[in-house]
Protein backbone atom coordinates (compact mmCIF):
# COMPACT_ATOMS: atom_id res chain seq x y z
CA UNK A 1 217.47 120.60 106.16
CA UNK A 2 219.18 124.48 105.72
CA UNK A 3 217.41 124.87 103.14
CA UNK A 4 213.48 123.99 104.15
CA UNK A 5 214.71 126.03 107.51
CA UNK A 6 215.71 129.24 105.46
CA UNK A 7 213.51 129.15 103.16
CA UNK A 8 209.65 128.41 104.66
CA UNK A 9 210.47 128.91 107.97
CA UNK A 10 210.45 132.27 110.38
CA UNK A 11 212.23 131.16 113.45
CA UNK A 12 209.59 131.81 115.54
CA UNK A 13 207.50 129.31 113.77
CA UNK A 14 209.89 127.11 114.17
CA UNK A 15 210.31 127.47 117.50
CA UNK A 16 207.08 126.64 118.28
CA UNK A 17 206.71 123.83 116.55
CA UNK A 18 209.74 122.90 118.75
CA UNK A 19 207.79 123.83 122.30
CA UNK A 20 204.66 121.98 120.97
CA UNK A 21 206.69 118.65 120.64
CA UNK A 22 205.82 118.17 116.94
CA UNK A 23 209.09 119.50 115.05
CA UNK A 24 209.76 115.92 112.74
CA UNK A 25 213.26 116.65 113.14
CA UNK A 26 214.02 117.30 116.32
CA UNK A 27 215.52 114.09 118.33
CA UNK A 28 215.38 115.62 122.20
CA UNK A 29 214.62 113.91 125.14
CA UNK A 30 211.97 115.54 126.01
CA UNK A 31 209.93 116.04 123.40
CA UNK A 32 207.44 112.95 124.54
CA UNK A 33 207.34 114.48 128.09
CA UNK A 34 206.00 117.65 125.76
CA UNK A 35 203.64 115.43 123.92
CA UNK A 36 202.06 113.99 127.15
CA UNK A 37 201.68 117.04 129.26
CA UNK A 38 200.22 118.83 126.24
CA UNK A 39 197.75 116.00 125.43
CA UNK A 40 196.86 115.53 129.52
CA UNK A 41 196.38 119.26 129.29
CA UNK A 42 193.81 119.73 126.65
CA UNK A 43 191.85 116.47 127.24
CA UNK A 44 191.55 116.85 130.40
CA UNK A 45 189.85 120.40 129.85
CA UNK A 46 187.62 119.07 126.84
CA UNK A 47 186.55 116.10 129.66
CA UNK A 48 185.71 119.32 132.52
CA UNK A 49 183.35 121.18 129.86
CA UNK A 50 181.56 117.99 129.05
CA UNK A 51 180.95 117.21 132.70
CA UNK A 52 178.04 120.01 132.25
CA UNK A 53 175.79 117.88 131.28
CA UNK A 54 175.96 115.63 134.42
CA UNK A 55 176.29 119.19 137.07
CA UNK A 56 173.72 121.09 135.61
CA UNK A 57 170.22 120.03 133.52
CA UNK A 58 170.71 119.26 130.63
CA UNK A 59 168.22 121.32 127.52
CA UNK A 60 169.11 122.62 124.11
CA UNK A 61 171.35 125.86 125.25
CA UNK A 62 173.58 124.49 127.28
CA UNK A 63 174.20 122.27 124.00
CA UNK A 64 175.24 124.35 122.01
CA UNK A 65 177.29 126.26 124.22
CA UNK A 66 179.38 123.57 125.73
CA UNK A 67 179.55 121.72 122.15
CA UNK A 68 180.25 125.42 120.87
CA UNK A 69 183.67 125.28 122.43
CA UNK A 70 184.14 121.06 122.94
CA UNK A 71 183.62 120.63 118.51
CA UNK A 72 187.09 123.23 118.01
CA UNK A 73 189.09 121.92 120.58
CA UNK A 74 188.46 118.15 119.82
CA UNK A 75 189.09 119.49 116.53
CA UNK A 76 192.44 120.45 117.27
CA UNK A 77 193.31 117.50 119.69
CA UNK A 78 192.94 115.61 116.66
CA UNK A 79 195.23 117.69 114.10
CA UNK A 80 197.37 117.44 117.27
CA UNK A 81 197.94 113.60 116.96
CA UNK A 82 197.56 113.35 113.43
CA UNK A 83 201.38 115.67 113.45
CA UNK A 84 202.64 113.53 116.40
CA UNK A 85 201.83 109.99 114.67
CA UNK A 86 202.34 111.57 110.72
CA UNK A 87 206.00 113.19 112.31
CA UNK A 88 207.89 110.18 109.69
CA UNK A 89 205.59 111.36 106.75
CA UNK A 90 206.54 115.09 107.85
CA UNK A 91 210.10 114.40 108.18
CA UNK A 92 209.84 112.76 104.23
CA UNK A 93 207.26 115.73 103.08
CA UNK A 94 210.64 118.42 104.40
CA UNK A 95 212.91 116.00 102.92
CA UNK A 96 211.28 115.90 99.03
CA UNK A 97 211.38 119.71 99.40
CA UNK A 98 215.07 119.52 99.70
CA UNK A 99 214.82 116.69 96.90
CA UNK A 100 212.78 119.32 94.44
CA UNK A 101 215.56 121.91 94.83
CA UNK A 102 218.21 119.87 93.02
CA UNK A 103 215.96 119.40 89.83
CA UNK A 104 216.25 123.83 89.55
CA UNK A 105 217.95 124.07 86.19
CA UNK A 106 218.82 128.15 86.01
CA UNK A 107 218.34 131.41 87.88
CA UNK A 108 214.53 131.95 86.84
CA UNK A 109 213.60 128.93 88.49
CA UNK A 110 215.59 129.54 91.05
CA UNK A 111 213.92 132.80 91.64
CA UNK A 112 210.38 130.72 91.56
CA UNK A 113 210.57 128.76 93.72
CA UNK A 114 212.01 130.76 96.36
CA UNK A 115 209.20 133.39 95.50
CA UNK A 116 207.20 130.56 96.61
CA UNK A 117 208.89 129.82 99.67
CA UNK A 118 208.62 133.44 100.55
CA UNK A 119 205.36 133.38 99.88
CA UNK A 120 204.48 130.85 102.82
CA UNK A 121 207.15 133.09 105.40
CA UNK A 122 204.52 135.66 104.48
CA UNK A 123 201.02 133.75 104.90
CA UNK A 124 203.08 132.55 107.75
CA UNK A 125 204.15 136.24 109.52
CA UNK A 126 199.98 136.91 108.41
CA UNK A 127 198.60 134.19 110.57
CA UNK A 128 200.79 135.04 113.67
CA UNK A 129 199.55 138.31 113.49
CA UNK A 130 195.80 137.60 113.19
CA UNK A 131 196.17 135.47 115.92
CA UNK A 132 197.83 137.65 118.42
CA UNK A 133 194.83 139.87 117.25
CA UNK A 134 192.57 137.01 118.23
CA UNK A 135 194.47 136.14 121.38
CA UNK A 136 194.44 139.69 122.69
CA UNK A 137 190.38 140.04 121.70
CA UNK A 138 189.48 136.67 123.99
CA UNK A 139 191.64 138.23 126.66
CA UNK A 140 189.60 141.59 126.58
CA UNK A 141 186.35 138.92 126.26
CA UNK A 142 187.28 137.55 130.15
CA UNK A 143 188.72 140.85 131.55
CA UNK A 144 186.77 143.56 130.41
CA UNK A 145 184.01 143.30 133.53
CA UNK A 146 187.26 144.16 136.03
CA UNK A 147 189.00 146.66 133.10
CA UNK A 148 185.71 148.61 133.03
CA UNK A 149 184.83 148.80 136.49
CA UNK A 150 188.30 150.34 136.95
CA UNK A 151 188.11 153.09 134.48
CA UNK A 152 183.93 153.24 134.71
CA UNK A 153 182.98 152.74 138.27
CA UNK A 154 179.38 151.56 138.85
CA UNK A 155 177.81 150.56 142.33
CA UNK A 156 178.02 147.95 141.97
CA UNK A 157 181.22 146.00 140.76
CA UNK A 158 180.22 143.94 136.76
CA UNK A 159 179.63 140.25 137.00
CA UNK A 160 182.61 138.30 136.51
CA UNK A 161 182.18 135.17 134.47
CA UNK A 162 184.07 132.49 132.30
CA UNK A 163 183.99 132.19 128.39
CA UNK A 164 184.08 128.43 128.45
CA UNK A 165 181.77 126.86 130.55
CA UNK A 166 182.86 123.62 132.60
CA UNK A 167 182.86 122.51 135.51
CA UNK A 168 185.88 123.05 138.64
CA UNK A 169 183.45 121.49 141.45
CA UNK A 170 184.52 124.58 143.32
CA UNK A 171 182.95 127.99 143.80
CA UNK A 172 183.20 130.22 140.84
CA UNK A 173 183.35 133.97 142.55
CA UNK A 174 185.74 132.43 145.03
CA UNK A 175 188.34 131.34 143.33
CA UNK A 176 187.04 132.98 139.69
CA UNK A 177 191.05 134.70 138.93
CA UNK A 178 192.58 131.84 139.45
CA UNK A 179 189.78 129.76 136.84
CA UNK A 180 190.55 132.50 134.29
CA UNK A 181 193.74 132.01 134.60
CA UNK A 182 193.49 128.03 133.70
CA UNK A 183 191.26 129.14 130.96
CA UNK A 184 193.33 131.34 128.91
CA UNK A 185 196.84 129.32 129.64
CA UNK A 186 194.58 126.21 128.12
CA UNK A 187 193.08 128.55 125.21
CA UNK A 188 196.46 129.78 124.27
CA UNK A 189 197.24 126.12 123.92
CA UNK A 190 194.87 125.54 121.59
CA UNK A 191 195.55 128.61 119.97
CA UNK A 192 199.05 127.59 119.71
CA UNK A 193 198.61 123.53 118.41
CA UNK A 194 195.86 125.36 115.80
CA UNK A 195 198.58 127.38 114.56
CA UNK A 196 201.25 125.08 113.79
CA UNK A 197 199.88 122.65 112.28
CA UNK A 198 197.74 124.51 109.76
CA UNK A 199 201.37 126.67 108.98
CA UNK A 200 202.70 123.99 108.62
CA UNK A 201 199.79 122.55 105.54
CA UNK A 202 200.82 126.18 104.09
CA UNK A 203 203.90 125.49 103.89
CA UNK A 204 203.40 122.32 101.76
CA UNK A 205 200.88 123.81 99.60
CA UNK A 206 203.02 126.84 98.62
CA UNK A 207 205.90 124.50 97.56
CA UNK A 208 203.50 122.01 95.73
CA UNK A 209 202.30 125.65 93.79
CA UNK A 210 206.00 126.60 93.19
CA UNK A 211 206.63 123.13 91.79
CA UNK A 212 203.50 123.47 89.45
CA UNK A 213 204.59 127.09 88.11
CA UNK A 214 208.47 125.53 87.81
CA UNK A 215 206.87 122.79 85.13
CA UNK A 216 204.05 125.83 83.37
CA UNK A 217 207.65 128.08 82.61
CA UNK A 218 209.73 124.50 81.39
CA UNK A 219 206.82 124.42 78.98
CA UNK A 220 206.51 127.97 77.93
CA UNK A 221 210.61 127.69 77.39
CA UNK A 222 210.13 124.14 75.64
CA UNK A 223 211.23 125.79 72.27
CA UNK A 224 214.05 128.44 72.15
CA UNK A 225 214.56 130.43 69.62
CA UNK A 226 218.27 129.24 69.30
CA UNK A 227 216.48 125.37 68.83
CA UNK A 228 214.66 126.69 65.68
CA UNK A 229 218.29 126.69 63.62
CA UNK A 230 219.69 123.77 65.01
CA UNK A 231 219.87 120.51 62.79
CA UNK A 232 216.88 117.91 63.01
CA UNK A 233 219.06 115.63 65.24
CA UNK A 234 220.15 118.17 67.48
CA UNK A 235 216.70 119.97 67.37
CA UNK A 236 215.28 116.62 68.49
CA UNK A 237 217.38 115.87 71.06
CA UNK A 238 217.25 119.29 72.74
CA UNK A 239 213.29 119.85 72.29
CA UNK A 240 213.05 116.17 73.98
CA UNK A 241 215.54 116.77 76.78
CA UNK A 242 213.41 119.98 77.29
CA UNK A 243 209.72 117.93 77.51
CA UNK A 244 211.09 115.62 80.25
CA UNK A 245 212.31 118.26 82.15
CA UNK A 246 208.74 119.06 82.39
CA UNK A 247 207.74 115.74 83.09
CA UNK A 248 209.95 115.34 85.78
CA UNK A 249 208.62 119.08 87.10
CA UNK A 250 204.45 118.55 87.04
CA UNK A 251 205.16 114.24 88.04
CA UNK A 252 207.13 115.66 91.35
CA UNK A 253 204.62 118.66 92.11
CA UNK A 254 201.91 116.18 91.51
CA UNK A 255 203.62 113.74 93.83
CA UNK A 256 204.39 115.99 96.62
CA UNK A 257 200.77 117.30 96.67
CA UNK A 258 199.70 113.53 96.85
CA UNK A 259 202.05 112.11 99.59
CA UNK A 260 200.35 115.04 101.83
CA UNK A 261 197.43 114.32 101.23
CA UNK A 262 197.98 110.41 101.74
CA UNK A 263 200.19 111.51 104.96
CA UNK A 264 196.79 113.22 106.47
CA UNK A 265 193.78 111.87 104.13
CA UNK A 266 192.10 110.01 106.86
CA UNK A 267 192.29 112.05 110.44
CA UNK A 268 191.75 115.58 108.29
CA UNK A 269 188.45 113.47 106.74
CA UNK A 270 187.58 113.15 110.26
CA UNK A 271 188.07 116.87 111.50
CA UNK A 272 185.75 118.18 108.18
CA UNK A 273 182.96 116.39 108.77
CA UNK A 274 183.22 118.03 113.05
CA UNK A 275 184.18 121.01 111.28
CA UNK A 276 180.42 121.28 109.69
CA UNK A 277 178.85 119.96 113.00
CA UNK A 278 180.89 122.55 115.11
CA UNK A 279 180.56 125.46 112.62
CA UNK A 280 176.53 125.22 112.59
CA UNK A 281 176.23 125.22 116.76
CA UNK A 282 178.34 128.42 116.76
CA UNK A 283 176.36 129.82 113.80
CA UNK A 284 172.96 128.91 115.62
CA UNK A 285 175.00 130.18 119.20
CA UNK A 286 175.56 133.48 116.86
CA UNK A 287 172.09 133.82 116.08
CA UNK A 288 170.61 133.17 119.57
CA UNK A 289 173.02 135.54 120.96
CA UNK A 290 171.19 138.04 118.21
CA UNK A 291 167.88 137.42 119.64
CA UNK A 292 168.79 137.59 122.86
CA UNK A 293 170.86 140.66 122.60
CA UNK A 294 173.28 138.47 124.84
CA UNK A 295 176.69 140.76 123.83
CA UNK A 296 179.16 138.25 125.17
CA UNK A 297 177.64 135.42 123.59
CA UNK A 298 177.64 137.22 120.29
CA UNK A 299 181.51 138.53 120.23
CA UNK A 300 182.55 134.66 120.80
CA UNK A 301 180.02 133.06 118.56
CA UNK A 302 181.01 135.63 116.23
CA UNK A 303 184.80 135.21 116.91
CA UNK A 304 184.92 131.40 116.44
CA UNK A 305 182.68 131.17 113.34
CA UNK A 306 185.30 133.62 111.53
CA UNK A 307 187.99 131.90 112.36
CA UNK A 308 186.08 128.48 111.09
CA UNK A 309 184.74 130.07 107.83
CA UNK A 310 188.20 131.64 107.14
CA UNK A 311 190.22 128.03 107.47
CA UNK A 312 187.21 125.91 105.54
CA UNK A 313 187.69 128.72 102.63
CA UNK A 314 191.16 128.46 102.70
CA UNK A 315 191.53 125.01 102.45
CA UNK A 316 189.15 125.35 99.76
CA UNK A 317 190.87 128.31 97.82
CA UNK A 318 194.72 126.45 98.11
CA UNK A 319 192.40 123.21 96.92
CA UNK A 320 191.13 125.20 93.99
CA UNK A 321 194.98 126.70 93.09
CA UNK A 322 195.70 123.41 93.02
CA UNK A 323 193.70 122.67 90.07
CA UNK A 324 193.74 125.81 88.37
CA UNK A 325 197.59 125.27 88.21
CA UNK A 326 197.12 121.88 87.05
CA UNK A 327 195.17 123.55 83.91
CA UNK A 328 197.49 125.84 83.50
CA UNK A 329 199.50 123.63 82.45
CA UNK A 330 197.83 121.90 79.61
CA UNK A 331 196.96 124.98 78.38
CA UNK A 332 200.26 126.10 77.82
CA UNK A 333 201.12 122.60 76.49
CA UNK A 334 197.92 123.21 74.23
CA UNK A 335 199.24 126.63 72.97
CA UNK A 336 203.14 125.97 72.46
CA UNK A 337 204.58 125.84 68.83
CA UNK A 338 204.49 121.69 69.13
CA UNK A 339 203.90 122.06 64.95
CA UNK A 340 207.77 123.30 64.73
CA UNK A 341 208.57 119.87 66.78
CA UNK A 342 209.58 116.55 65.00
CA UNK A 343 207.52 114.08 65.01
CA UNK A 344 208.80 112.02 68.07
CA UNK A 345 208.55 115.59 69.75
CA UNK A 346 205.26 115.62 69.45
CA UNK A 347 204.20 112.31 70.67
CA UNK A 348 205.73 113.24 73.90
CA UNK A 349 203.73 116.52 73.79
CA UNK A 350 200.16 113.99 73.19
CA UNK A 351 201.44 112.13 76.32
CA UNK A 352 201.86 115.09 78.81
CA UNK A 353 198.84 116.49 77.02
CA UNK A 354 196.96 113.34 78.40
CA UNK A 355 198.63 113.49 81.85
CA UNK A 356 198.46 117.16 83.02
CA UNK A 357 194.54 116.98 81.08
CA UNK A 358 193.27 114.89 84.21
CA UNK A 359 191.70 116.97 86.44
CA UNK A 360 194.48 116.98 89.46
CA UNK A 361 192.92 117.55 92.88
CA UNK A 362 193.39 117.65 96.60
CA UNK A 363 190.79 115.26 97.98
CA UNK A 364 189.89 114.28 101.90
CA UNK A 365 188.76 110.79 101.34
CA UNK A 366 185.73 109.79 99.13
CA UNK A 367 183.87 112.90 101.05
CA UNK A 368 185.66 116.27 100.17
CA UNK A 369 187.47 117.98 97.20
CA UNK A 370 189.37 121.07 97.75
CA UNK A 371 187.10 123.37 95.25
CA UNK A 372 185.94 126.69 96.08
CA UNK A 373 182.07 125.49 95.06
CA UNK A 374 182.60 122.63 97.65
CA UNK A 375 183.47 125.27 100.27
CA UNK A 376 179.41 126.92 99.79
CA UNK A 377 178.17 122.99 99.67
CA UNK A 378 180.15 122.72 103.52
CA UNK A 379 178.25 126.22 104.08
CA UNK A 380 174.81 125.48 103.05
CA UNK A 381 175.06 121.86 105.31
CA UNK A 382 176.05 124.12 107.84
CA UNK A 383 173.10 126.31 107.79
CA UNK A 384 170.09 123.01 107.36
CA UNK A 385 171.68 121.97 110.68
CA UNK A 386 171.45 125.24 112.45
CA UNK A 387 167.68 125.53 110.48
CA UNK A 388 166.92 121.81 112.05
CA UNK A 389 168.69 123.27 115.71
CA UNK A 390 165.97 126.58 115.90
CA UNK A 391 163.51 124.98 114.68
CA UNK A 392 164.10 122.04 117.42
CA UNK A 393 164.47 124.88 119.85
CA UNK A 394 161.15 126.84 119.20
CA UNK A 395 159.33 124.26 119.69
């Protein structure tokens, strides 16, 4: 696993995956204990939020404020279960990456695959930085009354309240700091899970893009200048070999992307559906906070909505890049000097064009396809649900 750890992961990322028990190569006996503990902590936290519907009078406002956290947390738990149950598939994807590195033929191809691997490390670093800033903002939102009481004291202390409404069956004022600490610890755990799983997916997609780029490079150099001066038989052999190498790289790129989607298809299809409802609820909470001028709700709902939009946009954008890279291969095949090739080689080129000419995309079941226009479709659906909820709220 030296290639994987050296070129695709940063040290902090591997440590995080091991701490959460979802590093697929970890054979420690503590992994099962880690997983059980994390599942208990995260699942019971959602149950404690849902208990509010039993102990409080139900209304739309209560539903929105509760489900604005329950939906995202449910998504995160599904992701965590997915990476536990599919650990063997994730491990096989790592092995496939190692096998892909073995087909590298020259220094230029080595630079291409390393460049894309380092892109993955760069994006992971950015995601970790963004997550750190988000964590600081959440901690500030929870503790700002105490901070302002010290910096700008009033005649009476500012009221304390938890960001996430839930049922503890004890006095909120008496045990506030204990509950706030519990809230921050569990929220941090959820954040670490989404951070670890999302960055894993980024690594896989970046590697797939790198393999498509290698196929493009091989097409661009399928006819070298020195080939033109060879005899017909030598020319045919050299060009056929070049085209075969293009086919190998292209097939490996598509196979890797297909294997990744087959491993994660069903659970992420469920996640995508829940994400639309989650975005709708948080958008409604954001609009309601603007209407009522509730600064706390405004900040919280804005933060969660931005995370939803970023996640969905990046997923759609990455899917679009896969389509674009595959289409780029088709254009390059079309623009090659195929007329200089022997007839048998032209037949191979025709076969490759038929393969690359078919649209290749990332699909979640039969519902979602990774395209930029589908991001707008998801957003429109979410806005439609917001409109329905707002109409029901005002009746």
